[in-house]
Amino acid sequence: METFLASTVAVAIAEIGDKTQLLSLFLVARYAARLPIVLGILVATVLNHALSAWLGAWVASVIPQAWLPWLLALSFVAIALWLLVPDKDDNDDSRFLGMGAFMATTVMFFLAEIGDKTQVATVVLAARYDETLWVILGTTVGMLLANIPVIMAGSWLMERLPLATARIGASVLFMTFSALTVWAAYVNS
């Protein structure tokens, strides 16, 4: 349960102000139907984060165990610093818009997540925790928790959300993950 909760909270907070939230706003403005957008996000996130989590689990299996906590701690610090940089809506995927709300959302979200903070966080979380399925489920729930309110409340919510505060909070959370990883390595050695 710790793996699921840590993954959910990490991605939900890291997603606030992310380019995929901006993509959610764009899709809601483009399509009237919200359910296909939510389902597209769900499918894209499960696929993307499953691949990412399996990569993280594989990396954890090939790296010497003595190195793993230190590499994870450095990865968490890198993500924490990356979270402080605001995302821009660099969306030029208009060629997918003719596919309909569900397919356009699925394709655009999957592509937007490649190399994104939450994808990298998923890789690192899966390397940190042995329960890959719980990481996938947690990061997917975190993605939905961050995007469904944007889809439902749209621009009204985004205008009132303090994105700088959310980015700082997410950064602090990943710094905490880094410190806990180092502490656990120290205690277990």
Protein backbone atom coordinates (compact mmCIF):
# COMPACT_ATOMS: atom_id res chain seq x y z
CA MET A 1 0.00 0.00 0.00
CA GLU A 2 2.94 2.32 0.66
CA THR A 3 4.06 1.90 -2.96
CA PHE A 4 0.60 2.76 -4.30
CA LEU A 5 0.21 5.82 -2.06
CA ALA A 6 3.72 7.14 -2.72
CA SER A 7 3.26 6.70 -6.47
CA THR A 8 -0.19 8.30 -6.46
CA VAL A 9 0.85 11.34 -4.44
CA ALA A 10 4.13 11.81 -6.32
CA VAL A 11 2.53 11.82 -9.76
CA ALA A 12 -0.61 13.76 -8.75
CA ILE A 13 1.50 16.58 -7.35
CA ALA A 14 4.14 16.43 -10.11
CA GLU A 15 1.39 16.62 -12.75
CA ILE A 16 0.03 19.96 -11.53
CA GLY A 17 0.90 22.56 -14.13
CA ASP A 18 2.45 19.91 -16.39
CA LYS A 19 2.09 20.07 -20.17
CA THR A 20 -0.40 17.21 -20.09
CA GLN A 21 -2.70 19.30 -17.90
CA LEU A 22 -2.46 22.01 -20.52
CA LEU A 23 -3.24 19.33 -23.08
CA SER A 24 -6.33 18.39 -21.02
CA LEU A 25 -7.50 22.02 -21.18
CA PHE A 26 -6.92 22.08 -24.92
CA LEU A 27 -8.85 18.83 -25.46
CA VAL A 28 -11.79 19.99 -23.32
CA ALA A 29 -11.96 23.18 -25.36
CA ARG A 30 -11.85 21.15 -28.59
CA TYR A 31 -14.29 18.35 -27.71
CA ALA A 32 -17.51 18.65 -25.74
CA ALA A 33 -17.51 15.06 -24.44
CA ARG A 34 -15.46 14.72 -21.28
CA LEU A 35 -15.73 10.94 -20.71
CA PRO A 36 -13.81 10.00 -23.89
CA ILE A 37 -11.03 12.38 -22.82
CA VAL A 38 -10.84 10.80 -19.34
CA LEU A 39 -10.82 7.30 -20.86
CA GLY A 40 -8.13 8.34 -23.35
CA ILE A 41 -5.96 9.64 -20.50
CA LEU A 42 -6.52 6.37 -18.61
CA VAL A 43 -5.49 4.17 -21.57
CA ALA A 44 -2.49 6.34 -22.52
CA THR A 45 -1.27 6.53 -18.92
CA VAL A 46 -1.61 2.80 -18.26
CA LEU A 47 0.34 2.01 -21.44
CA ASN A 48 3.02 4.65 -20.94
CA HIS A 49 3.50 4.12 -17.22
CA ALA A 50 3.46 0.32 -17.52
CA LEU A 51 6.35 0.50 -19.99
CA SER A 52 8.11 3.02 -17.75
CA ALA A 53 7.62 0.98 -14.57
CA TRP A 54 8.87 -2.20 -16.23
CA LEU A 55 11.93 -0.27 -17.39
CA GLY A 56 12.51 0.97 -13.84
CA ALA A 57 12.16 -2.55 -12.42
CA TRP A 58 14.58 -3.88 -15.04
CA VAL A 59 17.13 -1.13 -14.30
CA ALA A 60 16.88 -1.95 -10.58
CA SER A 61 17.59 -5.61 -11.36
CA VAL A 62 20.78 -4.94 -13.37
CA ILE A 63 22.35 -2.22 -11.24
CA PRO A 64 24.45 -3.45 -8.30
CA GLN A 65 22.34 -3.29 -5.14
CA ALA A 66 24.94 -1.15 -3.34
CA TRP A 67 24.64 1.55 -6.02
CA LEU A 68 20.86 1.54 -6.32
CA PRO A 69 19.95 3.75 -3.31
CA TRP A 70 22.45 6.41 -4.33
CA LEU A 71 21.34 6.42 -7.98
CA LEU A 72 17.71 6.59 -6.87
CA ALA A 73 18.43 9.44 -4.47
CA LEU A 74 20.19 11.38 -7.25
CA SER A 75 17.29 10.66 -9.61
CA PHE A 76 14.79 11.97 -7.06
CA VAL A 77 16.88 15.15 -6.67
CA ALA A 78 17.02 15.58 -10.46
CA ILE A 79 13.23 15.23 -10.70
CA ALA A 80 12.80 17.67 -7.79
CA LEU A 81 14.88 20.28 -9.62
CA TRP A 82 13.13 19.59 -12.94
CA LEU A 83 9.75 20.15 -11.29
CA LEU A 84 10.73 23.73 -10.52
CA VAL A 85 10.82 24.52 -14.25
CA PRO A 86 7.34 25.40 -15.58
CA ASP A 87 6.06 23.45 -18.58
CA LYS A 88 4.91 25.11 -21.76
CA ASP A 89 2.14 23.87 -24.02
CA ASP A 90 4.32 22.80 -26.92
CA ASN A 91 1.48 20.96 -28.61
CA ASP A 92 1.63 20.72 -32.39
CA ASP A 93 -0.32 17.46 -32.65
CA SER A 94 -3.28 18.87 -34.58
CA ARG A 95 -2.98 15.99 -37.06
CA PHE A 96 -4.51 13.71 -34.38
CA LEU A 97 -7.56 15.87 -33.68
CA GLY A 98 -9.60 14.34 -36.51
CA MET A 99 -9.46 10.95 -34.78
CA GLY A 100 -12.17 11.88 -32.29
CA ALA A 101 -11.91 12.71 -28.59
CA PHE A 102 -10.91 9.25 -27.30
CA MET A 103 -8.28 8.37 -29.91
CA ALA A 104 -6.87 11.90 -30.10
CA THR A 105 -6.53 12.01 -26.32
CA THR A 106 -4.98 8.54 -26.15
CA VAL A 107 -2.38 9.23 -28.83
CA MET A 108 -1.60 12.79 -27.77
CA PHE A 109 -1.30 11.91 -24.07
CA PHE A 110 0.89 8.89 -24.76
CA LEU A 111 3.22 11.00 -26.90
CA ALA A 112 3.18 13.94 -24.45
CA GLU A 113 4.22 11.62 -21.62
CA ILE A 114 7.34 10.39 -23.42
CA GLY A 115 10.26 11.92 -21.55
CA ASP A 116 7.90 13.86 -19.28
CA LYS A 117 8.52 14.37 -15.56
CA THR A 118 5.80 11.93 -14.55
CA GLN A 119 7.19 9.24 -16.87
CA VAL A 120 10.67 9.68 -15.43
CA ALA A 121 9.16 9.65 -11.94
CA THR A 122 7.42 6.36 -12.79
CA VAL A 123 10.73 4.80 -13.86
CA VAL A 124 12.41 5.97 -10.64
CA LEU A 125 9.50 4.89 -8.41
CA ALA A 126 9.50 1.42 -10.00
CA ALA A 127 13.25 1.18 -9.42
CA ARG A 128 12.71 2.24 -5.81
CA TYR A 129 9.79 -0.08 -4.98
CA ASP A 130 9.62 -3.81 -5.72
CA GLU A 131 5.88 -3.75 -6.43
CA THR A 132 5.75 -2.72 -10.10
CA LEU A 133 2.01 -3.24 -10.46
CA TRP A 134 1.32 -0.91 -7.52
CA VAL A 135 3.59 1.73 -9.07
CA ILE A 136 1.66 1.48 -12.36
CA LEU A 137 -1.69 1.70 -10.56
CA GLY A 138 -0.53 4.52 -8.29
CA THR A 139 0.97 6.66 -11.04
CA THR A 140 -2.13 6.12 -13.19
CA VAL A 141 -4.45 7.14 -10.34
CA GLY A 142 -2.20 10.15 -9.66
CA MET A 143 -2.43 11.20 -13.30
CA LEU A 144 -6.23 10.90 -13.22
CA LEU A 145 -6.48 12.78 -9.90
CA ALA A 146 -4.55 15.67 -11.40
CA ASN A 147 -6.31 15.75 -14.78
CA ILE A 148 -9.96 14.92 -14.11
CA PRO A 149 -10.58 18.16 -12.16
CA VAL A 150 -9.02 20.10 -15.06
CA ILE A 151 -11.28 18.28 -17.50
CA MET A 152 -14.38 18.88 -15.40
CA ALA A 153 -13.70 22.43 -14.22
CA GLY A 154 -11.53 23.52 -17.13
CA SER A 155 -9.99 26.94 -17.21
CA TRP A 156 -11.89 28.11 -14.10
CA LEU A 157 -9.79 25.74 -11.97
CA MET A 158 -6.49 26.45 -13.72
CA GLU A 159 -6.93 30.21 -13.22
CA ARG A 160 -7.19 29.72 -9.45
CA LEU A 161 -4.55 27.04 -8.91
CA PRO A 162 -1.24 28.39 -7.60
CA LEU A 163 1.03 26.49 -10.00
CA ALA A 164 4.27 27.84 -8.57
CA THR A 165 3.26 26.60 -5.12
CA ALA A 166 2.32 23.21 -6.56
CA ARG A 167 5.68 22.90 -8.34
CA ILE A 168 7.54 23.78 -5.14
CA GLY A 169 5.45 21.28 -3.17
CA ALA A 170 6.17 18.55 -5.73
CA SER A 171 9.86 19.40 -5.64
CA VAL A 172 9.91 19.15 -1.84
CA LEU A 173 8.13 15.78 -2.06
CA PHE A 174 10.79 14.37 -4.40
CA MET A 175 13.58 15.79 -2.21
CA THR A 176 11.90 13.97 0.69
CA PHE A 177 11.89 10.75 -1.35
CA SER A 178 15.60 11.27 -1.95
CA ALA A 179 16.32 11.78 1.76
CA LEU A 180 14.20 8.75 2.73
CA THR A 181 16.02 6.60 0.18
CA VAL A 182 19.42 7.61 1.58
CA TRP A 183 18.16 7.12 5.15
CA ALA A 184 16.83 3.63 4.34
CA ALA A 185 20.18 2.70 2.74
CA TYR A 186 22.03 3.96 5.82
CA VAL A 187 19.75 2.09 8.26
CA ASN A 188 19.88 -1.14 6.24
CA SER A 189 23.66 -1.16 5.87
